[in-house]
Amino acid sequence: MEALFLPQIQQRNGCSPVQPAFPTKVYNGHSQETIHLHPFMIGPVTDTKVSLTISNGPKTLQLEVDLHDTVDQLKKRIMQERKFGGSESISLLYENRELKSSETLGQQNVKNQATLFIVHKCNGG
């Protein structure tokens, strides 16, 4: 079958326009008439909002965060809640490893409904 590129597309009422970046083809086969064209996205569309439990011993905090947030941004939110005491320096542990402050939660594979553990850093021993 030969692929033909359509120079112009007529849009029907109620349809979204086809994006110019998407090549539009119709195959010269049994059906000579193109009825409906839609661009498609490759890959799953996922929600980046996740719910986390922050734990510091017996105290816990539930937060909804975005996987695009950095660990530093999350730490700032935790400290704003003032549920775990003063403004001392903290680290966050997930799956037995310390999360890197400058990376996003998504880059470090933090999953929805995860529990992060607070470790307080003490200067001077």
PDB file of N, CA and C in Angstrom:
ATOM      1  N   MET A   1       0.829  -1.186   0.000  1.00  0.00           N
ATOM      2  CA  MET A   1       0.000   0.000   0.000  1.00  0.00           C
ATOM      3  C   MET A   1       0.871   1.246   0.000  1.00  0.00           C
ATOM      4  N   GLU A   2       0.456   2.206  -0.726  1.00  0.00           N
ATOM      5  CA  GLU A   2       1.194   3.450  -0.837  1.00  0.00           C
ATOM      6  C   GLU A   2       0.632   4.474   0.149  1.00  0.00           C
ATOM      7  N   ALA A   3       1.519   5.171   0.858  1.00  0.00           N
ATOM      8  CA  ALA A   3       1.079   6.190   1.814  1.00  0.00           C
ATOM      9  C   ALA A   3       1.043   7.538   1.109  1.00  0.00           C
ATOM     10  N   LEU A   4      -0.058   8.236   1.271  1.00  0.00           N
ATOM     11  CA  LEU A   4      -0.214   9.567   0.703  1.00  0.00           C
ATOM     12  C   LEU A   4      -0.230  10.591   1.825  1.00  0.00           C
ATOM     13  N   PHE A   5       0.497  11.674   1.673  1.00  0.00           N
ATOM     14  CA  PHE A   5       0.460  12.749   2.652  1.00  0.00           C
ATOM     15  C   PHE A   5      -0.615  13.741   2.230  1.00  0.00           C
ATOM     16  N   LEU A   6      -1.462  14.109   3.162  1.00  0.00           N
ATOM     17  CA  LEU A   6      -2.548  15.036   2.861  1.00  0.00           C
ATOM     18  C   LEU A   6      -2.046  16.472   2.984  1.00  0.00           C
ATOM     19  N   PRO A   7      -2.194  17.277   1.958  1.00  0.00           N
ATOM     20  CA  PRO A   7      -1.706  18.653   2.034  1.00  0.00           C
ATOM     21  C   PRO A   7      -2.572  19.532   2.936  1.00  0.00           C
ATOM     22  N   GLN A   8      -3.838  19.212   3.051  1.00  0.00           N
ATOM     23  CA  GLN A   8      -4.740  20.041   3.837  1.00  0.00           C
ATOM     24  C   GLN A   8      -5.791  19.139   4.480  1.00  0.00           C
ATOM     25  N   ILE A   9      -6.135  19.434   5.725  1.00  0.00           N
ATOM     26  CA  ILE A   9      -7.103  18.610   6.445  1.00  0.00           C
ATOM     27  C   ILE A   9      -8.319  19.452   6.757  1.00  0.00           C
ATOM     28  N   GLN A  10      -9.476  18.924   6.454  1.00  0.00           N
ATOM     29  CA  GLN A  10     -10.708  19.620   6.809  1.00  0.00           C
ATOM     30  C   GLN A  10     -11.157  19.114   8.164  1.00  0.00           C
ATOM     31  N   GLN A  11     -11.344  20.043   9.074  1.00  0.00           N
ATOM     32  CA  GLN A  11     -11.705  19.695  10.440  1.00  0.00           C
ATOM     33  C   GLN A  11     -13.220  19.642  10.593  1.00  0.00           C
ATOM     34  N   ARG A  12     -13.714  18.572  11.182  1.00  0.00           N
ATOM     35  CA  ARG A  12     -15.139  18.454  11.442  1.00  0.00           C
ATOM     36  C   ARG A  12     -15.490  19.145  12.750  1.00  0.00           C
ATOM     37  N   ASN A  13     -16.754  19.534  12.889  1.00  0.00           N
ATOM     38  CA  ASN A  13     -17.210  20.166  14.121  1.00  0.00           C
ATOM     39  C   ASN A  13     -17.000  19.225  15.299  1.00  0.00           C
ATOM     40  N   GLY A  14     -16.485  19.774  16.411  1.00  0.00           N
ATOM     41  CA  GLY A  14     -16.273  18.992  17.625  1.00  0.00           C
ATOM     42  C   GLY A  14     -14.953  18.255  17.666  1.00  0.00           C
ATOM     43  N   CYS A  15     -14.135  18.350  16.635  1.00  0.00           N
ATOM     44  CA  CYS A  15     -12.845  17.671  16.614  1.00  0.00           C
ATOM     45  C   CYS A  15     -11.733  18.661  16.920  1.00  0.00           C
ATOM     46  N   SER A  16     -10.687  18.157  17.526  1.00  0.00           N
ATOM     47  CA  SER A  16      -9.507  18.981  17.777  1.00  0.00           C
ATOM     48  C   SER A  16      -8.694  19.069  16.501  1.00  0.00           C
ATOM     49  N   PRO A  17      -7.990  20.176  16.296  1.00  0.00           N
ATOM     50  CA  PRO A  17      -7.143  20.254  15.100  1.00  0.00           C
ATOM     51  C   PRO A  17      -5.954  19.309  15.222  1.00  0.00           C
ATOM     52  N   VAL A  18      -5.478  18.806  14.117  1.00  0.00           N
ATOM     53  CA  VAL A  18      -4.299  17.959  14.094  1.00  0.00           C
ATOM     54  C   VAL A  18      -3.087  18.870  14.191  1.00  0.00           C
ATOM     55  N   GLN A  19      -2.163  18.524  15.062  1.00  0.00           N
ATOM     56  CA  GLN A  19      -0.968  19.346  15.252  1.00  0.00           C
ATOM     57  C   GLN A  19      -0.082  19.262  14.018  1.00  0.00           C
ATOM     58  N   PRO A  20       0.488  20.400  13.571  1.00  0.00           N
ATOM     59  CA  PRO A  20       1.323  20.371  12.377  1.00  0.00           C
ATOM     60  C   PRO A  20       2.572  19.506  12.529  1.00  0.00           C
ATOM     61  N   ALA A  21       3.047  19.272  13.751  1.00  0.00           N
ATOM     62  CA  ALA A  21       4.250  18.470  13.959  1.00  0.00           C
ATOM     63  C   ALA A  21       3.998  16.994  13.725  1.00  0.00           C
ATOM     64  N   PHE A  22       2.744  16.568  13.705  1.00  0.00           N
ATOM     65  CA  PHE A  22       2.412  15.168  13.496  1.00  0.00           C
ATOM     66  C   PHE A  22       2.134  14.940  12.016  1.00  0.00           C
ATOM     67  N   PRO A  23       2.926  14.088  11.351  1.00  0.00           N
ATOM     68  CA  PRO A  23       2.642  13.819   9.944  1.00  0.00           C
ATOM     69  C   PRO A  23       1.318  13.075   9.821  1.00  0.00           C
ATOM     70  N   THR A  24       0.540  13.461   8.860  1.00  0.00           N
ATOM     71  CA  THR A  24      -0.768  12.847   8.657  1.00  0.00           C
ATOM     72  C   THR A  24      -0.729  12.037   7.370  1.00  0.00           C
ATOM     73  N   LYS A  25      -1.054  10.748   7.485  1.00  0.00           N
ATOM     74  CA  LYS A  25      -1.036   9.861   6.327  1.00  0.00           C
ATOM     75  C   LYS A  25      -2.401   9.230   6.163  1.00  0.00           C
ATOM     76  N   VAL A  26      -2.750   8.922   4.942  1.00  0.00           N
ATOM     77  CA  VAL A  26      -3.908   8.080   4.660  1.00  0.00           C
ATOM     78  C   VAL A  26      -3.422   7.025   3.677  1.00  0.00           C
ATOM     79  N   TYR A  27      -3.826   5.795   3.890  1.00  0.00           N
ATOM     80  CA  TYR A  27      -3.388   4.721   3.027  1.00  0.00           C
ATOM     81  C   TYR A  27      -4.356   4.556   1.866  1.00  0.00           C
ATOM     82  N   ASN A  28      -3.799   4.416   0.691  1.00  0.00           N
ATOM     83  CA  ASN A  28      -4.572   4.265  -0.522  1.00  0.00           C
ATOM     84  C   ASN A  28      -4.974   2.805  -0.650  1.00  0.00           C
ATOM     85  N   GLY A  29      -5.943   2.400   0.160  1.00  0.00           N
ATOM     86  CA  GLY A  29      -6.385   1.014   0.170  1.00  0.00           C
ATOM     87  C   GLY A  29      -7.870   0.952  -0.079  1.00  0.00           C
ATOM     88  N   HIS A  30      -8.573   0.132   0.698  1.00  0.00           N
ATOM     89  CA  HIS A  30     -10.005  -0.054   0.510  1.00  0.00           C
ATOM     90  C   HIS A  30     -10.789   1.220   0.784  1.00  0.00           C
ATOM     91  N   SER A  31     -10.441   1.940   1.836  1.00  0.00           N
ATOM     92  CA  SER A  31     -11.179   3.149   2.186  1.00  0.00           C
ATOM     93  C   SER A  31     -10.455   4.364   1.608  1.00  0.00           C
ATOM     94  N   GLN A  32     -11.070   5.035   0.678  1.00  0.00           N
ATOM     95  CA  GLN A  32     -10.473   6.192   0.037  1.00  0.00           C
ATOM     96  C   GLN A  32     -10.764   7.492   0.795  1.00  0.00           C
ATOM     97  N   GLU A  33     -11.605   7.428   1.805  1.00  0.00           N
ATOM     98  CA  GLU A  33     -12.031   8.642   2.504  1.00  0.00           C
ATOM     99  C   GLU A  33     -11.549   8.620   3.943  1.00  0.00           C
ATOM    100  N   THR A  34     -10.880   9.677   4.345  1.00  0.00           N
ATOM    101  CA  THR A  34     -10.458   9.801   5.736  1.00  0.00           C
ATOM    102  C   THR A  34     -11.611  10.403   6.514  1.00  0.00           C
ATOM    103  N   ILE A  35     -12.018   9.709   7.549  1.00  0.00           N
ATOM    104  CA  ILE A  35     -13.183  10.145   8.313  1.00  0.00           C
ATOM    105  C   ILE A  35     -12.792  11.013   9.497  1.00  0.00           C
ATOM    106  N   HIS A  36     -11.760  10.627  10.214  1.00  0.00           N
ATOM    107  CA  HIS A  36     -11.444  11.291  11.473  1.00  0.00           C
ATOM    108  C   HIS A  36      -9.957  11.122  11.770  1.00  0.00           C
ATOM    109  N   LEU A  37      -9.250  12.200  12.039  1.00  0.00           N
ATOM    110  CA  LEU A  37      -7.827  12.120  12.357  1.00  0.00           C
ATOM    111  C   LEU A  37      -7.569  12.738  13.727  1.00  0.00           C
ATOM    112  N   HIS A  38      -6.775  12.058  14.528  1.00  0.00           N
ATOM    113  CA  HIS A  38      -6.381  12.574  15.843  1.00  0.00           C
ATOM    114  C   HIS A  38      -4.905  12.319  16.051  1.00  0.00           C
ATOM    115  N   PRO A  39      -4.185  13.303  16.572  1.00  0.00           N
ATOM    116  CA  PRO A  39      -2.795  13.014  16.958  1.00  0.00           C
ATOM    117  C   PRO A  39      -2.823  12.139  18.200  1.00  0.00           C
ATOM    118  N   PHE A  40      -1.775  11.365  18.406  1.00  0.00           N
ATOM    119  CA  PHE A  40      -1.728  10.529  19.597  1.00  0.00           C
ATOM    120  C   PHE A  40      -0.434  10.797  20.342  1.00  0.00           C
ATOM    121  N   MET A  41      -0.483  10.568  21.659  1.00  0.00           N
ATOM    122  CA  MET A  41       0.701  10.746  22.491  1.00  0.00           C
ATOM    123  C   MET A  41       1.333   9.380  22.714  1.00  0.00           C
ATOM    124  N   ILE A  42       2.645   9.357  22.723  1.00  0.00           N
ATOM    125  CA  ILE A  42       3.360   8.119  22.977  1.00  0.00           C
ATOM    126  C   ILE A  42       3.680   8.061  24.464  1.00  0.00           C
ATOM    127  N   GLY A  43       3.388   6.945  25.096  1.00  0.00           N
ATOM    128  CA  GLY A  43       3.671   6.767  26.509  1.00  0.00           C
ATOM    129  C   GLY A  43       2.450   7.060  27.353  1.00  0.00           C
ATOM    130  N   PRO A  44       2.441   6.521  28.573  1.00  0.00           N
ATOM    131  CA  PRO A  44       1.288   6.712  29.445  1.00  0.00           C
ATOM    132  C   PRO A  44       1.249   8.116  30.019  1.00  0.00           C
ATOM    133  N   VAL A  45       0.042   8.615  30.214  1.00  0.00           N
ATOM    134  CA  VAL A  45      -0.139   9.889  30.883  1.00  0.00           C
ATOM    135  C   VAL A  45      -0.312   9.562  32.357  1.00  0.00           C
ATOM    136  N   THR A  46       0.567  10.087  33.190  1.00  0.00           N
ATOM    137  CA  THR A  46       0.509   9.770  34.612  1.00  0.00           C
ATOM    138  C   THR A  46       0.326  11.029  35.429  1.00  0.00           C
ATOM    139  N   ASP A  47      -0.286  10.866  36.576  1.00  0.00           N
ATOM    140  CA  ASP A  47      -0.452  11.950  37.516  1.00  0.00           C
ATOM    141  C   ASP A  47       0.805  12.021  38.362  1.00  0.00           C
ATOM    142  N   THR A  48       1.337  13.213  38.572  1.00  0.00           N
ATOM    143  CA  THR A  48       2.576  13.343  39.326  1.00  0.00           C
ATOM    144  C   THR A  48       2.335  13.679  40.795  1.00  0.00           C
ATOM    145  N   LYS A  49       1.093  13.773  41.199  1.00  0.00           N
ATOM    146  CA  LYS A  49       0.779  14.025  42.606  1.00  0.00           C
ATOM    147  C   LYS A  49       0.801  12.704  43.369  1.00  0.00           C
ATOM    148  N   VAL A  50       1.506  12.708  44.520  1.00  0.00           N
ATOM    149  CA  VAL A  50       1.566  11.526  45.359  1.00  0.00           C
ATOM    150  C   VAL A  50       1.317  11.915  46.807  1.00  0.00           C
ATOM    151  N   SER A  51       0.881  10.954  47.580  1.00  0.00           N
ATOM    152  CA  SER A  51       0.646  11.144  49.000  1.00  0.00           C
ATOM    153  C   SER A  51       1.760  10.441  49.764  1.00  0.00           C
ATOM    154  N   LEU A  52       2.418  11.180  50.666  1.00  0.00           N
ATOM    155  CA  LEU A  52       3.533  10.631  51.430  1.00  0.00           C
ATOM    156  C   LEU A  52       3.246  10.700  52.912  1.00  0.00           C
ATOM    157  N   THR A  53       3.820   9.764  53.657  1.00  0.00           N
ATOM    158  CA  THR A  53       3.816   9.808  55.109  1.00  0.00           C
ATOM    159  C   THR A  53       5.233  10.139  55.545  1.00  0.00           C
ATOM    160  N   ILE A  54       5.365  11.186  56.341  1.00  0.00           N
ATOM    161  CA  ILE A  54       6.656  11.583  56.883  1.00  0.00           C
ATOM    162  C   ILE A  54       6.671  11.111  58.336  1.00  0.00           C
ATOM    163  N   SER A  55       7.669  10.332  58.702  1.00  0.00           N
ATOM    164  CA  SER A  55       7.704   9.741  60.031  1.00  0.00           C
ATOM    165  C   SER A  55       8.946  10.180  60.791  1.00  0.00           C
ATOM    166  N   ASN A  56       8.735  10.520  62.075  1.00  0.00           N
ATOM    167  CA  ASN A  56       9.825  10.840  62.988  1.00  0.00           C
ATOM    168  C   ASN A  56       9.485  10.179  64.323  1.00  0.00           C
ATOM    169  N   GLY A  57       9.832   8.909  64.444  1.00  0.00           N
ATOM    170  CA  GLY A  57       9.458   8.168  65.645  1.00  0.00           C
ATOM    171  C   GLY A  57       7.956   7.975  65.691  1.00  0.00           C
ATOM    172  N   PRO A  58       7.320   8.342  66.817  1.00  0.00           N
ATOM    173  CA  PRO A  58       5.876   8.142  66.934  1.00  0.00           C
ATOM    174  C   PRO A  58       5.046   9.203  66.194  1.00  0.00           C
ATOM    175  N   LYS A  59       5.668  10.311  65.801  1.00  0.00           N
ATOM    176  CA  LYS A  59       4.950  11.390  65.113  1.00  0.00           C
ATOM    177  C   LYS A  59       4.990  11.170  63.606  1.00  0.00           C
ATOM    178  N   THR A  60       3.837  11.403  62.956  1.00  0.00           N
ATOM    179  CA  THR A  60       3.774  11.285  61.493  1.00  0.00           C
ATOM    180  C   THR A  60       3.059  12.507  60.911  1.00  0.00           C
ATOM    181  N   LEU A  61       3.301  12.728  59.655  1.00  0.00           N
ATOM    182  CA  LEU A  61       2.709  13.844  58.926  1.00  0.00           C
ATOM    183  C   LEU A  61       2.346  13.339  57.538  1.00  0.00           C
ATOM    184  N   GLN A  62       1.124  13.627  57.094  1.00  0.00           N
ATOM    185  CA  GLN A  62       0.678  13.256  55.754  1.00  0.00           C
ATOM    186  C   GLN A  62       0.814  14.489  54.857  1.00  0.00           C
ATOM    187  N   LEU A  63       1.457  14.336  53.709  1.00  0.00           N
ATOM    188  CA  LEU A  63       1.616  15.431  52.756  1.00  0.00           C
ATOM    189  C   LEU A  63       1.300  14.942  51.348  1.00  0.00           C
ATOM    190  N   GLU A  64       0.661  15.806  50.570  1.00  0.00           N
ATOM    191  CA  GLU A  64       0.508  15.548  49.142  1.00  0.00           C
ATOM    192  C   GLU A  64       1.535  16.411  48.436  1.00  0.00           C
ATOM    193  N   VAL A  65       2.365  15.770  47.641  1.00  0.00           N
ATOM    194  CA  VAL A  65       3.452  16.464  46.962  1.00  0.00           C
ATOM    195  C   VAL A  65       3.454  16.096  45.482  1.00  0.00           C
ATOM    196  N   ASP A  66       4.270  16.796  44.727  1.00  0.00           N
ATOM    197  CA  ASP A  66       4.437  16.529  43.307  1.00  0.00           C
ATOM    198  C   ASP A  66       5.784  15.842  43.107  1.00  0.00           C
ATOM    199  N   LEU A  67       5.837  14.861  42.236  1.00  0.00           N
ATOM    200  CA  LEU A  67       7.086  14.152  41.983  1.00  0.00           C
ATOM    201  C   LEU A  67       8.145  15.042  41.336  1.00  0.00           C
ATOM    202  N   HIS A  68       7.740  16.224  40.856  1.00  0.00           N
ATOM    203  CA  HIS A  68       8.700  17.171  40.302  1.00  0.00           C
ATOM    204  C   HIS A  68       9.327  18.042  41.381  1.00  0.00           C
ATOM    205  N   ASP A  69       8.840  17.962  42.620  1.00  0.00           N
ATOM    206  CA  ASP A  69       9.425  18.713  43.734  1.00  0.00           C
ATOM    207  C   ASP A  69      10.775  18.106  44.095  1.00  0.00           C
ATOM    208  N   THR A  70      11.715  18.976  44.477  1.00  0.00           N
ATOM    209  CA  THR A  70      13.001  18.478  44.956  1.00  0.00           C
ATOM    210  C   THR A  70      12.875  18.093  46.423  1.00  0.00           C
ATOM    211  N   VAL A  71      13.840  17.335  46.899  1.00  0.00           N
ATOM    212  CA  VAL A  71      13.867  16.944  48.304  1.00  0.00           C
ATOM    213  C   VAL A  71      14.029  18.192  49.174  1.00  0.00           C
ATOM    214  N   ASP A  72      14.804  19.165  48.718  1.00  0.00           N
ATOM    215  CA  ASP A  72      14.939  20.428  49.468  1.00  0.00           C
ATOM    216  C   ASP A  72      13.586  21.119  49.633  1.00  0.00           C
ATOM    217  N   GLN A  73      12.775  21.134  48.585  1.00  0.00           N
ATOM    218  CA  GLN A  73      11.441  21.736  48.681  1.00  0.00           C
ATOM    219  C   GLN A  73      10.572  20.979  49.676  1.00  0.00           C
ATOM    220  N   LEU A  74      10.669  19.661  49.674  1.00  0.00           N
ATOM    221  CA  LEU A  74       9.902  18.851  50.617  1.00  0.00           C
ATOM    222  C   LEU A  74      10.361  19.117  52.048  1.00  0.00           C
ATOM    223  N   LYS A  75      11.662  19.199  52.269  1.00  0.00           N
ATOM    224  CA  LYS A  75      12.185  19.493  53.610  1.00  0.00           C
ATOM    225  C   LYS A  75      11.656  20.837  54.120  1.00  0.00           C
ATOM    226  N   LYS A  76      11.619  21.819  53.235  1.00  0.00           N
ATOM    227  CA  LYS A  76      11.111  23.141  53.613  1.00  0.00           C
ATOM    228  C   LYS A  76       9.650  23.046  54.053  1.00  0.00           C
ATOM    229  N   ARG A  77       8.848  22.283  53.315  1.00  0.00           N
ATOM    230  CA  ARG A  77       7.432  22.096  53.697  1.00  0.00           C
ATOM    231  C   ARG A  77       7.304  21.397  55.037  1.00  0.00           C
ATOM    232  N   ILE A  78       8.148  20.396  55.259  1.00  0.00           N
ATOM    233  CA  ILE A  78       8.110  19.675  56.534  1.00  0.00           C
ATOM    234  C   ILE A  78       8.435  20.628  57.682  1.00  0.00           C
ATOM    235  N   MET A  79       9.436  21.442  57.511  1.00  0.00           N
ATOM    236  CA  MET A  79       9.829  22.370  58.577  1.00  0.00           C
ATOM    237  C   MET A  79       8.757  23.439  58.802  1.00  0.00           C
ATOM    238  N   GLN A  80       8.039  23.843  57.754  1.00  0.00           N
ATOM    239  CA  GLN A  80       6.955  24.823  57.902  1.00  0.00           C
ATOM    240  C   GLN A  80       5.812  24.268  58.740  1.00  0.00           C
ATOM    241  N   GLU A  81       5.625  22.971  58.724  1.00  0.00           N
ATOM    242  CA  GLU A  81       4.562  22.339  59.517  1.00  0.00           C
ATOM    243  C   GLU A  81       4.873  22.392  61.017  1.00  0.00           C
ATOM    244  N   ARG A  82       6.141  22.470  61.385  1.00  0.00           N
ATOM    245  CA  ARG A  82       6.610  22.561  62.773  1.00  0.00           C
ATOM    246  C   ARG A  82       6.076  21.433  63.662  1.00  0.00           C
ATOM    247  N   LYS A  83       5.846  20.299  63.084  1.00  0.00           N
ATOM    248  CA  LYS A  83       5.333  19.164  63.852  1.00  0.00           C
ATOM    249  C   LYS A  83       6.458  18.383  64.526  1.00  0.00           C
ATOM    250  N   PHE A  84       7.660  18.517  63.978  1.00  0.00           N
ATOM    251  CA  PHE A  84       8.776  17.710  64.460  1.00  0.00           C
ATOM    252  C   PHE A  84       9.823  18.525  65.214  1.00  0.00           C
ATOM    253  N   GLY A  85       9.459  19.663  65.732  1.00  0.00           N
ATOM    254  CA  GLY A  85      10.408  20.438  66.527  1.00  0.00           C
ATOM    255  C   GLY A  85      11.015  21.587  65.752  1.00  0.00           C
ATOM    256  N   GLY A  86      12.206  21.968  66.183  1.00  0.00           N
ATOM    257  CA  GLY A  86      12.890  23.166  65.680  1.00  0.00           C
ATOM    258  C   GLY A  86      13.294  23.106  64.228  1.00  0.00           C
ATOM    259  N   SER A  87      14.100  24.063  63.858  1.00  0.00           N
ATOM    260  CA  SER A  87      14.501  24.203  62.458  1.00  0.00           C
ATOM    261  C   SER A  87      15.874  23.603  62.195  1.00  0.00           C
ATOM    262  N   GLU A  88      16.236  22.575  62.983  1.00  0.00           N
ATOM    263  CA  GLU A  88      17.528  21.932  62.784  1.00  0.00           C
ATOM    264  C   GLU A  88      17.578  21.228  61.430  1.00  0.00           C
ATOM    265  N   SER A  89      18.768  20.849  61.027  1.00  0.00           N
ATOM    266  CA  SER A  89      18.978  20.210  59.732  1.00  0.00           C
ATOM    267  C   SER A  89      18.489  18.761  59.766  1.00  0.00           C
ATOM    268  N   ILE A  90      17.788  18.356  58.699  1.00  0.00           N
ATOM    269  CA  ILE A  90      17.275  16.985  58.621  1.00  0.00           C
ATOM    270  C   ILE A  90      17.670  16.339  57.302  1.00  0.00           C
ATOM    271  N   SER A  91      17.663  15.017  57.311  1.00  0.00           N
ATOM    272  CA  SER A  91      17.781  14.206  56.099  1.00  0.00           C
ATOM    273  C   SER A  91      16.530  13.365  56.007  1.00  0.00           C
ATOM    274  N   LEU A  92      16.209  12.922  54.796  1.00  0.00           N
ATOM    275  CA  LEU A  92      15.066  12.044  54.582  1.00  0.00           C
ATOM    276  C   LEU A  92      15.556  10.716  54.030  1.00  0.00           C
ATOM    277  N   LEU A  93      15.070   9.627  54.645  1.00  0.00           N
ATOM    278  CA  LEU A  93      15.419   8.288  54.198  1.00  0.00           C
ATOM    279  C   LEU A  93      14.228   7.652  53.507  1.00  0.00           C
ATOM    280  N   TYR A  94      14.514   6.939  52.411  1.00  0.00           N
ATOM    281  CA  TYR A  94      13.486   6.187  51.681  1.00  0.00           C
ATOM    282  C   TYR A  94      14.133   4.905  51.192  1.00  0.00           C
ATOM    283  N   GLU A  95      13.525   3.790  51.505  1.00  0.00           N
ATOM    284  CA  GLU A  95      14.050   2.476  51.130  1.00  0.00           C
ATOM    285  C   GLU A  95      15.515   2.319  51.541  1.00  0.00           C
ATOM    286  N   ASN A  96      15.798   2.656  52.795  1.00  0.00           N
ATOM    287  CA  ASN A  96      17.128   2.502  53.404  1.00  0.00           C
ATOM    288  C   ASN A  96      18.235   3.316  52.742  1.00  0.00           C
ATOM    289  N   ARG A  97      17.878   4.405  52.100  1.00  0.00           N
ATOM    290  CA  ARG A  97      18.910   5.290  51.531  1.00  0.00           C
ATOM    291  C   ARG A  97      18.507   6.739  51.746  1.00  0.00           C
ATOM    292  N   GLU A  98      19.519   7.582  51.854  1.00  0.00           N
ATOM    293  CA  GLU A  98      19.269   9.009  52.046  1.00  0.00           C
ATOM    294  C   GLU A  98      18.937   9.646  50.703  1.00  0.00           C
ATOM    295  N   LEU A  99      17.859  10.430  50.676  1.00  0.00           N
ATOM    296  CA  LEU A  99      17.471  11.109  49.442  1.00  0.00           C
ATOM    297  C   LEU A  99      18.386  12.295  49.196  1.00  0.00           C
ATOM    298  N   LYS A 100      18.769  12.498  47.943  1.00  0.00           N
ATOM    299  CA  LYS A 100      19.653  13.604  47.562  1.00  0.00           C
ATOM    300  C   LYS A 100      18.842  14.888  47.483  1.00  0.00           C
ATOM    301  N   SER A 101      19.306  15.910  48.173  1.00  0.00           N
ATOM    302  CA  SER A 101      18.549  17.160  48.335  1.00  0.00           C
ATOM    303  C   SER A 101      18.212  17.869  47.035  1.00  0.00           C
ATOM    304  N   SER A 102      19.116  17.854  46.065  1.00  0.00           N
ATOM    305  CA  SER A 102      18.912  18.641  44.843  1.00  0.00           C
ATOM    306  C   SER A 102      18.106  17.894  43.780  1.00  0.00           C
ATOM    307  N   GLU A 103      17.871  16.598  43.961  1.00  0.00           N
ATOM    308  CA  GLU A 103      17.124  15.823  42.970  1.00  0.00           C
ATOM    309  C   GLU A 103      15.637  15.810  43.302  1.00  0.00           C
ATOM    310  N   THR A 104      14.830  15.557  42.276  1.00  0.00           N
ATOM    311  CA  THR A 104      13.384  15.498  42.488  1.00  0.00           C
ATOM    312  C   THR A 104      13.006  14.154  43.096  1.00  0.00           C
ATOM    313  N   LEU A 105      11.819  14.112  43.645  1.00  0.00           N
ATOM    314  CA  LEU A 105      11.310  12.859  44.213  1.00  0.00           C
ATOM    315  C   LEU A 105      11.158  11.807  43.123  1.00  0.00           C
ATOM    316  N   GLY A 106      10.710  12.223  41.944  1.00  0.00           N
ATOM    317  CA  GLY A 106      10.556  11.305  40.826  1.00  0.00           C
ATOM    318  C   GLY A 106      11.874  10.713  40.360  1.00  0.00           C
ATOM    319  N   GLN A 107      12.931  11.528  40.341  1.00  0.00           N
ATOM    320  CA  GLN A 107      14.245  11.037  39.923  1.00  0.00           C
ATOM    321  C   GLN A 107      14.756   9.957  40.871  1.00  0.00           C
ATOM    322  N   GLN A 108      14.279   9.991  42.119  1.00  0.00           N
ATOM    323  CA  GLN A 108      14.741   9.038  43.119  1.00  0.00           C
ATOM    324  C   GLN A 108      13.725   7.914  43.346  1.00  0.00           C
ATOM    325  N   ASN A 109      12.763   7.802  42.414  1.00  0.00           N
ATOM    326  CA  ASN A 109      11.778   6.714  42.388  1.00  0.00           C
ATOM    327  C   ASN A 109      10.904   6.627  43.630  1.00  0.00           C
ATOM    328  N   VAL A 110      10.565   7.772  44.217  1.00  0.00           N
ATOM    329  CA  VAL A 110       9.644   7.779  45.347  1.00  0.00           C
ATOM    330  C   VAL A 110       8.251   7.476  44.804  1.00  0.00           C
ATOM    331  N   LYS A 111       7.570   6.532  45.419  1.00  0.00           N
ATOM    332  CA  LYS A 111       6.259   6.077  44.949  1.00  0.00           C
ATOM    333  C   LYS A 111       5.128   6.640  45.801  1.00  0.00           C
ATOM    334  N   ASN A 112       3.920   6.612  45.257  1.00  0.00           N
ATOM    335  CA  ASN A 112       2.726   7.030  45.981  1.00  0.00           C
ATOM    336  C   ASN A 112       2.556   6.159  47.231  1.00  0.00           C
ATOM    337  N   GLN A 113       2.095   6.753  48.308  1.00  0.00           N
ATOM    338  CA  GLN A 113       1.862   6.090  49.592  1.00  0.00           C
ATOM    339  C   GLN A 113       3.162   5.660  50.278  1.00  0.00           C
ATOM    340  N   ALA A 114       4.306   6.235  49.881  1.00  0.00           N
ATOM    341  CA  ALA A 114       5.587   5.897  50.499  1.00  0.00           C
ATOM    342  C   ALA A 114       5.699   6.540  51.876  1.00  0.00           C
ATOM    343  N   THR A 115       6.537   5.956  52.718  1.00  0.00           N
ATOM    344  CA  THR A 115       6.862   6.542  54.016  1.00  0.00           C
ATOM    345  C   THR A 115       8.315   6.981  53.983  1.00  0.00           C
ATOM    346  N   LEU A 116       8.541   8.255  54.292  1.00  0.00           N
ATOM    347  CA  LEU A 116       9.891   8.801  54.391  1.00  0.00           C
ATOM    348  C   LEU A 116      10.205   8.996  55.866  1.00  0.00           C
ATOM    349  N   PHE A 117      11.419   8.668  56.262  1.00  0.00           N
ATOM    350  CA  PHE A 117      11.823   8.773  57.658  1.00  0.00           C
ATOM    351  C   PHE A 117      12.773   9.944  57.834  1.00  0.00           C
ATOM    352  N   ILE A 118      12.533  10.732  58.883  1.00  0.00           N
ATOM    353  CA  ILE A 118      13.375  11.882  59.189  1.00  0.00           C
ATOM    354  C   ILE A 118      14.544  11.430  60.045  1.00  0.00           C
ATOM    355  N   VAL A 119      15.739  11.886  59.688  1.00  0.00           N
ATOM    356  CA  VAL A 119      16.928  11.705  60.503  1.00  0.00           C
ATOM    357  C   VAL A 119      17.452  13.090  60.817  1.00  0.00           C
ATOM    358  N   HIS A 120      17.595  13.410  62.112  1.00  0.00           N
ATOM    359  CA  HIS A 120      18.090  14.715  62.529  1.00  0.00           C
ATOM    360  C   HIS A 120      19.623  14.710  62.475  1.00  0.00           C
ATOM    361  N   LYS A 121      20.169  15.730  61.862  1.00  0.00           N
ATOM    362  CA  LYS A 121      21.623  15.866  61.783  1.00  0.00           C
ATOM    363  C   LYS A 121      22.099  16.685  62.981  1.00  0.00           C
ATOM    364  N   CYS A 122      23.128  16.214  63.619  1.00  0.00           N
ATOM    365  CA  CYS A 122      23.711  16.912  64.767  1.00  0.00           C
ATOM    366  C   CYS A 122      25.120  17.373  64.415  1.00  0.00           C
ATOM    367  N   ASN A 123      25.374  18.653  64.559  1.00  0.00           N
ATOM    368  CA  ASN A 123      26.691  19.192  64.282  1.00  0.00           C
ATOM    369  C   ASN A 123      27.594  18.982  65.514  1.00  0.00           C
ATOM    370  N   GLY A 124      28.828  18.570  65.280  1.00  0.00           N
ATOM    371  CA  GLY A 124      29.778  18.450  66.362  1.00  0.00           C
ATOM    372  C   GLY A 124      29.731  17.132  67.104  1.00  0.00           C
ATOM    373  N   GLY A 125      29.052  16.147  66.570  1.00  0.00           N
ATOM    374  CA  GLY A 125      29.125  14.833  67.185  1.00  0.00           C
ATOM    375  C   GLY A 125      27.936  14.480  67.904  1.00  0.00           C
TER     376      GLY A 125
END
